[in-house]
Amino acid sequence: MKIALDAYGGDFGLAPNIEGALDAAGRLGCHVALVGDEAALKSELKRRGQEGDPSFSVVNAPGGVIGMEQEPAIACREKPDSSIMVCADMVARGDADAMVSMGNSGATAVAALFKLGRLPGVSRPAIALFLPTKTGQVMLLDAGAITDAKPHHLLQYAHMASIYLQKARGVESPSVGILSVGEEENKGNLLVKETFPLLKASGLNFRGCVEGRDIPAGTVDIIVCDGFVGNICLKLAEGMAKTIFQIIKEAAARNPVYLLGGLLLKGALKDIKAKTDPDATGGAPLLGVDGVAIIGHGKSSARGVANALSAAMKFHQSGVNDAIKQAMARIESEKPAEAGASK
């Protein structure tokens, strides 16, 4: 299997990407195409003694890198030869089986949509994010691919997420909830109220409405919401984890007794940090595009990059997209003739 990796994507540039690629290629047996500055990449592989290694190839991206601060759609149009766009183009042409980037998440989603298009029947793609819970992880989508959504989009998100968890992660009958302001069916905004009956009749393991507090509690396997709300949840989770650990460190520094308590709890704190570490999952699958795309965290270490490459490999090999095509065709066939929702 060949994976196109945005070699300079992310906050830390080349180092974690190439180290993660070396780990994944050796451990998983995949071929990694490093996409970026050809001369610099070849020089780095030579320095590391990997020149001529059949597990790697170098693909030039003369357009450079799309920065984290750049507006995704504009940057993709203005930089058609950027590393993210070249990665997506490789998958579209069949020169790679999957693409992975730790760079600008919006640009990765836009590049994949531009080059790969949507799977037949899919109205909108969705970034499917894994968040830590006390029992494991919950998949939340959409985490920001498309800010606005309609009820049939959320229905499709739920189907795609259920298929991904079943095929790529071996979760039997994943439970689904819709994010709302209360557990009751009659609560929530218009989007939630109109989506609820669709999910109830979907044949999925739908558990009803869930609240924000249910995200870390792990009451369901999948939570669907629009990309605006989902991205807020993502940024809140990241900010809370960082703030809590910072508060603990500052409190321990102020008081020797607290420091002693912290030392006694060192093992527990280490476990908590491991559970909330984005490197553990590696990245978020972009569901609904006609190909395999994994969006990694900008602050990923080499371990996070390797895990993102592993996630891409599982996504590709598990037949997720074929199953999504079948599910979308079935949903379309079950629609009343007059009820064709606008795409």
Protein backbone atom coordinates (compact mmCIF):
# COMPACT_ATOMS: atom_id res chain seq x y z
CA MET A 1 0.00 0.00 0.00
CA LYS A 2 1.26 3.49 -0.89
CA ILE A 3 0.44 6.53 1.25
CA ALA A 4 1.12 10.14 0.22
CA LEU A 5 2.37 12.10 3.25
CA ASP A 6 2.46 15.90 3.40
CA ALA A 7 6.07 15.91 4.60
CA TYR A 8 6.15 19.47 5.93
CA GLY A 9 2.60 19.63 7.31
CA GLY A 10 2.10 20.55 10.95
CA ASP A 11 3.61 22.92 13.47
CA PHE A 12 6.98 21.14 13.67
CA GLY A 13 7.77 20.72 9.99
CA LEU A 14 9.75 17.85 8.53
CA ALA A 15 11.26 16.09 11.58
CA PRO A 16 8.17 14.37 13.09
CA ASN A 17 6.79 13.57 9.64
CA ILE A 18 9.88 11.79 8.39
CA GLU A 19 10.48 10.04 11.73
CA GLY A 20 6.86 8.87 11.82
CA ALA A 21 7.15 7.68 8.22
CA LEU A 22 10.27 5.68 9.06
CA ASP A 23 8.47 4.05 11.99
CA ALA A 24 5.31 3.25 10.03
CA ALA A 25 7.12 1.91 6.97
CA GLY A 26 9.21 -0.42 9.11
CA ARG A 27 6.38 -1.55 11.36
CA LEU A 28 3.43 -1.69 8.95
CA GLY A 29 5.13 -2.55 5.69
CA CYS A 30 3.56 0.35 3.79
CA HIS A 31 5.26 2.53 1.19
CA VAL A 32 5.34 6.23 2.08
CA ALA A 33 5.60 8.88 -0.63
CA LEU A 34 7.10 11.97 1.00
CA VAL A 35 5.60 15.03 -0.68
CA GLY A 36 7.39 18.37 -0.45
CA ASP A 37 10.73 19.96 -1.35
CA GLU A 38 12.34 17.20 -3.41
CA ALA A 39 15.97 18.22 -2.93
CA ALA A 40 15.60 18.73 0.82
CA LEU A 41 13.74 15.44 1.28
CA LYS A 42 16.31 13.44 -0.67
CA SER A 43 19.09 15.07 1.33
CA GLU A 44 17.34 14.21 4.60
CA LEU A 45 16.80 10.58 3.58
CA LYS A 46 20.47 10.33 2.64
CA ARG A 47 21.52 11.83 5.97
CA ARG A 48 19.44 9.22 7.77
CA GLY A 49 20.86 6.38 5.71
CA GLN A 50 17.55 5.73 3.92
CA GLU A 51 18.63 6.73 0.41
CA GLY A 52 17.40 4.11 -2.04
CA ASP A 53 15.11 2.46 0.55
CA PRO A 54 12.22 0.93 -1.44
CA SER A 55 9.82 1.83 1.39
CA PHE A 56 10.08 5.51 0.44
CA SER A 57 9.77 7.74 -2.57
CA VAL A 58 9.98 11.51 -2.90
CA VAL A 59 7.44 13.59 -4.83
CA ASN A 60 8.18 17.24 -5.51
CA ALA A 61 5.64 19.91 -4.53
CA PRO A 62 6.97 23.17 -6.03
CA GLY A 63 4.09 25.16 -4.56
CA GLY A 64 5.39 24.72 -1.02
CA VAL A 65 3.24 24.34 2.08
CA ILE A 66 -0.19 25.76 2.86
CA GLY A 67 0.24 27.47 6.21
CA MET A 68 -2.02 27.00 9.22
CA GLU A 69 -3.12 30.64 9.01
CA GLN A 70 -4.14 30.56 5.33
CA GLU A 71 -7.77 30.43 4.21
CA PRO A 72 -8.24 26.86 2.92
CA ALA A 73 -10.24 27.33 -0.29
CA ILE A 74 -8.25 30.38 -1.44
CA ALA A 75 -4.91 28.72 -0.65
CA CYS A 76 -5.83 25.54 -2.53
CA ARG A 77 -6.80 27.56 -5.60
CA GLU A 78 -3.71 29.78 -5.46
CA LYS A 79 -1.30 26.92 -4.67
CA PRO A 80 -2.33 24.02 -6.93
CA ASP A 81 1.19 22.54 -6.58
CA SER A 82 1.31 22.78 -2.78
CA SER A 83 2.12 19.62 -0.85
CA ILE A 84 -1.48 19.06 0.27
CA MET A 85 -2.83 19.46 -3.26
CA VAL A 86 -0.16 17.16 -4.70
CA CYS A 87 -1.04 14.50 -2.10
CA ALA A 88 -4.72 14.70 -3.06
CA ASP A 89 -3.87 14.63 -6.76
CA MET A 90 -1.80 11.46 -6.27
CA VAL A 91 -4.79 9.68 -4.72
CA ALA A 92 -7.10 10.98 -7.47
CA ARG A 93 -4.75 9.66 -10.18
CA GLY A 94 -4.28 6.31 -8.47
CA ASP A 95 -0.60 7.01 -7.71
CA ALA A 96 -1.33 6.62 -3.98
CA ASP A 97 -3.94 4.70 -2.01
CA ALA A 98 -4.35 7.32 0.72
CA MET A 99 -3.23 10.77 1.81
CA VAL A 100 -2.18 12.00 5.25
CA SER A 101 -1.47 15.55 6.42
CA MET A 102 -0.72 17.13 9.79
CA GLY A 103 -1.10 20.55 8.17
CA ASN A 104 -4.00 22.95 7.71
CA SER A 105 -7.05 20.73 8.36
CA GLY A 106 -9.41 22.91 6.34
CA ALA A 107 -7.03 22.88 3.38
CA THR A 108 -6.70 19.10 3.60
CA ALA A 109 -10.49 18.74 3.51
CA VAL A 110 -10.80 21.21 0.62
CA ALA A 111 -7.97 19.56 -1.36
CA ALA A 112 -9.53 16.13 -0.91
CA LEU A 113 -12.95 17.42 -1.96
CA PHE A 114 -11.52 19.30 -4.97
CA LYS A 115 -9.45 16.38 -6.24
CA LEU A 116 -11.31 13.27 -5.09
CA GLY A 117 -14.90 14.46 -5.13
CA ARG A 118 -17.66 12.93 -3.03
CA LEU A 119 -18.69 9.31 -2.86
CA PRO A 120 -21.89 8.65 -4.86
CA GLY A 121 -24.90 9.70 -2.81
CA VAL A 122 -22.92 11.65 -0.19
CA SER A 123 -24.09 15.26 0.14
CA ARG A 124 -21.34 16.58 2.41
CA PRO A 125 -18.05 15.15 3.71
CA ALA A 126 -17.36 15.24 7.45
CA ILE A 127 -14.26 15.28 9.63
CA ALA A 128 -14.72 12.43 12.11
CA LEU A 129 -12.81 13.30 15.26
CA PHE A 130 -11.95 10.93 18.10
CA LEU A 131 -12.26 12.45 21.58
CA PRO A 132 -11.20 10.74 24.82
CA THR A 133 -13.83 9.46 27.26
CA LYS A 134 -13.65 7.66 30.58
CA THR A 135 -14.44 4.40 28.77
CA GLY A 136 -12.30 4.89 25.65
CA GLN A 137 -13.13 7.21 22.76
CA VAL A 138 -16.13 8.78 21.08
CA MET A 139 -16.29 9.72 17.41
CA LEU A 140 -17.70 13.22 16.91
CA LEU A 141 -18.63 14.53 13.48
CA ASP A 142 -18.63 16.89 11.80
CA ALA A 143 -15.61 18.52 13.46
CA GLY A 144 -15.41 21.38 10.98
CA ALA A 145 -15.44 20.26 7.34
CA ILE A 146 -18.72 22.12 6.68
CA THR A 147 -20.06 24.59 9.27
CA ASP A 148 -23.73 24.43 8.24
CA ALA A 149 -25.73 21.23 7.90
CA LYS A 150 -29.22 19.98 7.11
CA PRO A 151 -31.00 17.01 8.70
CA HIS A 152 -30.16 14.60 5.87
CA HIS A 153 -26.47 15.55 6.22
CA LEU A 154 -26.48 14.48 9.87
CA LEU A 155 -28.25 11.26 8.92
CA GLN A 156 -25.49 10.54 6.42
CA TYR A 157 -22.82 11.40 9.00
CA ALA A 158 -24.31 8.83 11.37
CA HIS A 159 -24.34 6.11 8.70
CA MET A 160 -20.77 6.86 7.59
CA ALA A 161 -19.44 6.91 11.16
CA SER A 162 -21.20 3.65 12.03
CA ILE A 163 -19.67 1.98 8.98
CA TYR A 164 -16.20 3.31 9.80
CA LEU A 165 -16.30 2.06 13.39
CA GLN A 166 -17.59 -1.34 12.32
CA LYS A 167 -15.18 -1.85 9.42
CA ALA A 168 -11.99 -0.08 10.52
CA ARG A 169 -12.26 -0.52 14.30
CA GLY A 170 -14.32 -3.65 14.80
CA VAL A 171 -17.07 -1.99 16.88
CA GLU A 172 -20.28 -4.01 16.66
CA SER A 173 -23.50 -2.00 16.38
CA PRO A 174 -22.02 1.41 17.33
CA SER A 175 -24.37 3.56 19.38
CA VAL A 176 -25.31 6.97 17.98
CA GLY A 177 -26.46 10.18 19.65
CA ILE A 178 -27.26 13.65 18.38
CA LEU A 179 -25.74 16.58 20.30
CA SER A 180 -28.40 18.78 21.89
CA VAL A 181 -29.19 20.93 24.93
CA GLY A 182 -31.16 18.21 26.70
CA GLU A 183 -31.94 14.51 26.52
CA GLU A 184 -35.60 15.00 25.61
CA GLU A 185 -36.71 14.64 22.00
CA ASN A 186 -38.52 17.98 21.98
CA LYS A 187 -35.44 19.99 23.02
CA GLY A 188 -32.77 21.45 20.79
CA ASN A 189 -32.78 23.72 17.76
CA LEU A 190 -34.64 23.12 14.51
CA LEU A 191 -31.79 21.05 13.06
CA VAL A 192 -31.84 18.66 16.01
CA LYS A 193 -35.64 18.38 16.05
CA GLU A 194 -35.82 17.62 12.33
CA THR A 195 -32.91 15.17 12.41
CA PHE A 196 -34.20 13.18 15.40
CA PRO A 197 -36.98 11.29 13.56
CA LEU A 198 -34.63 10.51 10.66
CA LEU A 199 -32.12 8.90 13.00
CA LYS A 200 -34.89 7.14 14.91
CA ALA A 201 -36.08 5.48 11.69
CA SER A 202 -32.57 4.86 10.32
CA GLY A 203 -32.03 1.32 11.56
CA LEU A 204 -28.89 2.49 13.36
CA ASN A 205 -28.33 1.95 17.08
CA PHE A 206 -29.73 5.41 17.86
CA ARG A 207 -29.82 6.36 21.55
CA GLY A 208 -31.43 9.78 21.22
CA CYS A 209 -30.16 13.19 22.27
CA VAL A 210 -26.93 13.59 24.21
CA GLU A 211 -25.59 16.67 25.99
CA GLY A 212 -22.12 18.18 26.11
CA ARG A 213 -21.40 16.40 29.39
CA ASP A 214 -22.00 13.06 27.67
CA ILE A 215 -19.00 13.57 25.38
CA PRO A 216 -16.35 12.77 28.06
CA ALA A 217 -18.71 10.32 29.77
CA GLY A 218 -18.66 8.03 26.74
CA THR A 219 -22.38 7.29 26.79
CA VAL A 220 -22.41 6.62 23.03
CA ASP A 221 -19.86 5.64 20.37
CA ILE A 222 -20.83 8.34 17.86
CA ILE A 223 -22.10 11.90 18.28
CA VAL A 224 -23.37 13.84 15.25
CA CYS A 225 -23.65 17.62 14.98
CA ASP A 226 -22.98 20.34 12.44
CA GLY A 227 -19.41 21.43 11.76
CA PHE A 228 -19.81 24.75 13.58
CA VAL A 229 -20.74 23.08 16.88
CA GLY A 230 -18.34 20.19 16.32
CA ASN A 231 -15.33 22.44 15.85
CA ILE A 232 -16.21 24.36 19.02
CA CYS A 233 -16.32 21.03 20.89
CA LEU A 234 -12.89 20.14 19.50
CA LYS A 235 -11.27 23.44 20.48
CA LEU A 236 -12.94 23.37 23.92
CA ALA A 237 -11.66 19.85 24.60
CA GLU A 238 -8.12 20.81 23.56
CA GLY A 239 -8.19 23.98 25.62
CA MET A 240 -9.62 22.31 28.73
CA ALA A 241 -7.04 19.51 28.72
CA LYS A 242 -4.18 21.98 28.36
CA THR A 243 -5.58 24.32 31.02
CA ILE A 244 -6.20 21.58 33.59
CA PHE A 245 -2.64 20.26 33.34
CA GLN A 246 -1.29 23.82 33.54
CA ILE A 247 -3.34 24.53 36.69
CA ILE A 248 -2.02 21.34 38.31
CA LYS A 249 1.60 22.26 37.46
CA GLU A 250 1.23 25.81 38.80
CA ALA A 251 -0.45 24.62 42.01
CA ALA A 252 2.30 22.06 42.60
CA ALA A 253 4.97 24.72 42.07
CA ARG A 254 3.37 27.03 44.67
CA ASN A 255 3.02 24.52 47.48
CA PRO A 256 5.46 21.73 48.47
CA VAL A 257 2.57 19.67 49.89
CA TYR A 258 0.78 19.81 46.54
CA LEU A 259 4.05 18.85 44.85
CA LEU A 260 4.32 15.79 47.07
CA GLY A 261 0.73 14.88 46.27
CA GLY A 262 1.51 15.30 42.60
CA LEU A 263 4.44 12.92 42.90
CA LEU A 264 2.17 10.35 44.55
CA LEU A 265 -0.32 10.77 41.71
CA LYS A 266 2.34 10.76 39.00
CA GLY A 267 1.24 7.41 37.60
CA ALA A 268 -2.43 8.40 37.47
CA LEU A 269 -1.62 11.75 35.86
CA LYS A 270 0.52 9.98 33.28
CA ASP A 271 -2.41 7.70 32.42
CA ILE A 272 -4.74 10.70 32.07
CA LYS A 273 -2.26 12.47 29.80
CA ALA A 274 -1.94 9.35 27.64
CA LYS A 275 -5.73 9.13 27.26
CA THR A 276 -6.01 12.77 26.18
CA ASP A 277 -2.98 12.68 23.87
CA PRO A 278 -4.04 13.26 20.22
CA ASP A 279 -0.99 11.25 19.12
CA ALA A 280 -2.77 8.10 20.32
CA THR A 281 -5.35 8.17 17.51
CA GLY A 282 -3.09 9.80 14.95
CA GLY A 283 -5.75 11.59 12.98
CA ALA A 284 -9.33 12.09 11.91
CA PRO A 285 -10.73 10.36 8.82
CA LEU A 286 -12.44 12.60 6.29
CA LEU A 287 -15.59 10.60 5.60
CA GLY A 288 -17.58 10.98 2.40
CA VAL A 289 -14.84 11.76 -0.13
CA ASP A 290 -14.06 9.26 -2.89
CA GLY A 291 -10.73 8.20 -1.47
CA VAL A 292 -8.86 7.89 1.82
CA ALA A 293 -7.77 11.06 3.62
CA ILE A 294 -6.56 11.34 7.21
CA ILE A 295 -6.25 14.75 8.88
CA GLY A 296 -3.69 14.74 11.69
CA HIS A 297 -3.17 17.12 14.59
CA GLY A 298 -0.87 20.06 13.90
CA LYS A 299 1.19 19.35 17.01
CA SER A 300 1.65 15.65 16.23
CA SER A 301 4.89 13.96 17.23
CA ALA A 302 6.51 11.19 15.19
CA ARG A 303 4.25 8.76 17.06
CA GLY A 304 1.17 10.71 15.98
CA VAL A 305 2.31 10.70 12.35
CA ALA A 306 2.96 6.94 12.46
CA ASN A 307 -0.48 6.36 13.95
CA ALA A 308 -2.08 8.55 11.27
CA LEU A 309 -0.39 6.44 8.59
CA SER A 310 -1.66 3.33 10.37
CA ALA A 311 -5.20 4.77 10.42
CA ALA A 312 -4.96 5.45 6.68
CA MET A 313 -3.88 1.87 6.08
CA LYS A 314 -6.80 0.45 8.09
CA PHE A 315 -9.25 2.80 6.38
CA HIS A 316 -8.09 1.70 2.93
CA GLN A 317 -7.96 -2.02 3.67
CA SER A 318 -11.27 -2.30 5.53
CA GLY A 319 -13.61 -1.47 2.64
CA VAL A 320 -15.20 1.51 4.40
CA ASN A 321 -15.88 3.52 1.25
CA ASP A 322 -17.48 0.61 -0.61
CA ALA A 323 -19.81 0.07 2.35
CA ILE A 324 -20.65 3.80 2.47
CA LYS A 325 -21.56 3.72 -1.24
CA GLN A 326 -23.93 0.80 -0.60
CA ALA A 327 -25.49 2.55 2.41
CA MET A 328 -26.03 5.80 0.49
CA ALA A 329 -27.67 3.90 -2.39
CA ARG A 330 -29.96 2.14 0.08
CA ILE A 331 -30.93 5.40 1.80
CA GLU A 332 -31.67 6.99 -1.57
CA SER A 333 -33.84 4.06 -2.65
CA GLU A 334 -35.84 4.24 0.58
CA LYS A 335 -36.70 7.95 0.15
CA PRO A 336 -40.26 8.79 -0.82
CA ALA A 337 -40.22 9.92 -4.47
CA GLU A 338 -41.39 13.42 -3.61
CA ALA A 339 -39.04 13.91 -0.67
CA GLY A 340 -35.72 14.30 -2.50
CA ALA A 341 -33.80 16.59 -0.20
CA SER A 342 -31.61 19.18 -1.90
CA LYS A 343 -27.93 18.40 -1.85
